Amino acid sequence: MLICEYEFNNSDPRNPSYSLCEVDYYAGICQDKQTVRTPNHRLSMRKNLKMGRFEVYRKYIEPIAVIGKDFIIQTSQETIDEEVVFSGTSLEDAIRFADGEYNRYNGDAQKEPDELCQHKHPKKATNCPGERVSS
C-alpha cells in the first residue's frame, strides 16, 4: 500500500491533537503470540499533530463473553489502554516499523511492505492531492 504524508494533516474532530487519518495494520494477534508483557492488541499508525511526529501504537484488547439464554459468544473489546511503540518525524521509518510488527505477529502471512507516496504516478497514493507547491 502507498501511504501519503499529506493524508495525516487533518485533525480528528474528537481528538484534535491527532490526525483523522490512521492506518490499521492488524486488529489483533493470535493467542500463541500473546504474552503478559504484550497481550492482545491492534496496531495502528497516526500522526501526533502537536508534536509533529508519526506514532505507531498498540490499542489493547480484552476478551469478553456475551451470554444469552441459549448461547455464549466469545469476542473482545478494546480497553482504554494504549501504548506508543514508535514515535518519529519520518513517515518512512514509521511505515518500516509497523510493517516489521505486522510480520512479527503474523509470521507466514507476511505482506508486501508498504511504501511512502511519491505524490506522482506510479507511486501516488489513492487520496494523495499530488505535489504541493511551497508558498
Protein backbone atom coordinates (compact mmCIF):
# COMPACT_ATOMS: atom_id res chain seq x y z
CA MET A 1 0.00 0.00 0.00
CA LEU A 2 1.17 3.53 -0.71
CA ILE A 3 0.88 5.87 2.27
CA CYS A 4 0.83 9.65 1.77
CA GLU A 5 2.12 12.06 4.41
CA TYR A 6 -0.45 14.70 3.39
CA GLU A 7 -3.31 12.44 4.48
CA PHE A 8 -2.18 12.90 8.10
CA ASN A 9 -2.53 16.71 8.10
CA ASN A 10 -6.24 16.92 9.05
CA SER A 11 -7.06 16.71 12.74
CA ASP A 12 -9.56 14.33 14.28
CA PRO A 13 -12.54 16.44 15.47
CA ARG A 14 -12.90 14.16 18.52
CA ASN A 15 -9.19 14.45 19.38
CA PRO A 16 -7.56 17.43 17.61
CA SER A 17 -4.08 16.51 18.85
CA TYR A 18 -4.05 13.58 16.41
CA SER A 19 -4.62 13.08 12.70
CA LEU A 20 -8.00 11.98 11.46
CA CYS A 21 -6.21 9.52 9.18
CA GLU A 22 -4.95 6.32 10.77
CA VAL A 23 -3.51 3.24 9.10
CA ASP A 24 -4.53 -0.02 10.76
CA TYR A 25 -2.03 -2.87 10.44
CA TYR A 26 -3.91 -5.62 12.26
CA ALA A 27 -6.95 -6.00 14.51
CA GLY A 28 -5.44 -8.48 16.97
CA ILE A 29 -2.74 -11.10 17.45
CA CYS A 30 -3.01 -14.89 17.70
CA GLN A 31 -3.31 -16.32 21.18
CA ASP A 32 0.04 -18.14 20.88
CA LYS A 33 1.79 -14.76 20.26
CA GLN A 34 0.27 -13.10 23.33
CA THR A 35 2.37 -12.66 26.46
CA VAL A 36 1.92 -10.95 29.80
CA ARG A 37 4.08 -8.08 28.52
CA THR A 38 2.33 -7.95 25.14
CA PRO A 39 -1.30 -9.05 25.41
CA ASN A 40 -3.77 -8.98 22.53
CA HIS A 41 -3.85 -5.63 20.74
CA ARG A 42 -4.48 -3.90 17.45
CA LEU A 43 -1.69 -1.95 15.76
CA SER A 44 -2.25 1.41 14.07
CA MET A 45 -0.28 4.39 12.83
CA ARG A 46 -1.30 8.04 13.24
CA LYS A 47 0.31 11.48 13.45
CA ASN A 48 0.61 13.39 16.69
CA LEU A 49 -0.10 16.87 15.31
CA LYS A 50 1.06 18.72 18.46
CA MET A 51 4.47 17.05 18.35
CA GLY A 52 4.72 16.71 14.56
CA ARG A 53 5.60 13.01 14.94
CA PHE A 54 4.27 9.81 13.42
CA GLU A 55 3.27 7.23 16.01
CA VAL A 56 2.72 3.51 15.80
CA TYR A 57 0.63 2.41 18.74
CA ARG A 58 -0.93 -0.65 20.27
CA LYS A 59 -4.53 -0.44 21.45
CA TYR A 60 -5.07 -3.28 23.90
CA ILE A 61 -7.99 -5.71 23.67
CA GLU A 62 -9.54 -7.90 26.36
CA PRO A 63 -11.68 -10.97 25.87
CA ILE A 64 -15.35 -10.85 26.81
CA ALA A 65 -18.19 -13.35 26.67
CA VAL A 66 -21.72 -12.46 25.66
CA ILE A 67 -24.07 -14.90 27.40
CA GLY A 68 -27.59 -15.39 26.16
CA LYS A 69 -30.31 -17.86 27.05
CA ASP A 70 -29.12 -20.49 24.56
CA PHE A 71 -25.69 -19.25 23.50
CA ILE A 72 -22.30 -17.93 24.53
CA ILE A 73 -20.31 -15.75 22.15
CA GLN A 74 -16.63 -15.20 22.86
CA THR A 75 -15.40 -11.89 21.47
CA SER A 76 -13.25 -8.97 22.57
CA GLN A 77 -13.38 -5.26 23.21
CA GLU A 78 -10.79 -2.51 23.29
CA THR A 79 -9.58 -1.32 26.68
CA ILE A 80 -8.67 2.26 27.50
CA ASP A 81 -5.01 1.25 27.47
CA GLU A 82 -2.76 2.09 24.55
CA GLU A 83 1.00 2.18 24.13
CA VAL A 84 3.03 4.18 21.63
CA VAL A 85 5.71 1.74 20.45
CA PHE A 86 7.28 4.02 17.81
CA SER A 87 7.48 7.80 17.53
CA GLY A 88 9.47 9.72 14.94
CA THR A 89 9.40 12.52 12.40
CA SER A 90 9.89 10.18 9.43
CA LEU A 91 6.78 8.57 7.96
CA GLU A 92 9.03 6.13 6.12
CA ASP A 93 10.57 4.97 9.42
CA ALA A 94 7.09 4.60 10.96
CA ILE A 95 5.97 2.50 7.97
CA ARG A 96 9.05 0.28 8.24
CA PHE A 97 8.47 -0.24 11.98
CA ALA A 98 4.77 -1.06 11.54
CA ASP A 99 5.49 -3.49 8.69
CA GLY A 100 8.05 -5.22 10.94
CA GLU A 101 5.49 -5.55 13.74
CA TYR A 102 2.96 -6.97 11.28
CA ASN A 103 5.44 -9.59 10.12
CA ARG A 104 6.49 -10.35 13.71
CA TYR A 105 2.95 -11.20 14.78
CA ASN A 106 1.67 -12.73 11.54
CA GLY A 107 4.62 -14.97 10.62
CA ASP A 108 3.78 -16.87 7.45
CA ALA A 109 1.14 -14.32 6.50
CA GLN A 110 3.78 -11.66 5.81
CA LYS A 111 2.62 -8.93 3.49
CA GLU A 112 4.33 -6.78 0.92
CA PRO A 113 5.96 -3.77 2.60
CA ASP A 114 4.06 -0.51 2.47
CA GLU A 115 5.68 2.35 0.61
CA LEU A 116 5.93 6.10 1.01
CA CYS A 117 3.86 8.02 -1.53
CA GLN A 118 5.96 9.99 -4.04
CA HIS A 119 3.00 12.30 -4.91
CA LYS A 120 3.07 11.36 -8.60
CA HIS A 121 2.31 8.26 -10.63
CA PRO A 122 3.19 5.42 -10.45
CA LYS A 123 3.90 5.86 -6.70
CA LYS A 124 0.93 8.06 -5.80
CA ALA A 125 -1.50 7.03 -3.04
CA THR A 126 -5.20 6.98 -3.88
CA ASN A 127 -6.08 10.07 -1.80
CA CYS A 128 -2.84 11.96 -2.39
CA PRO A 129 -3.52 15.54 -3.54
CA GLY A 130 -0.34 15.50 -5.65
CA GLU A 131 2.76 17.58 -5.37
CA ARG A 132 2.37 20.63 -3.19
CA VAL A 133 3.95 23.94 -4.10
CA SER A 134 5.55 25.90 -1.27
CA SER A 135 4.18 29.43 -0.83
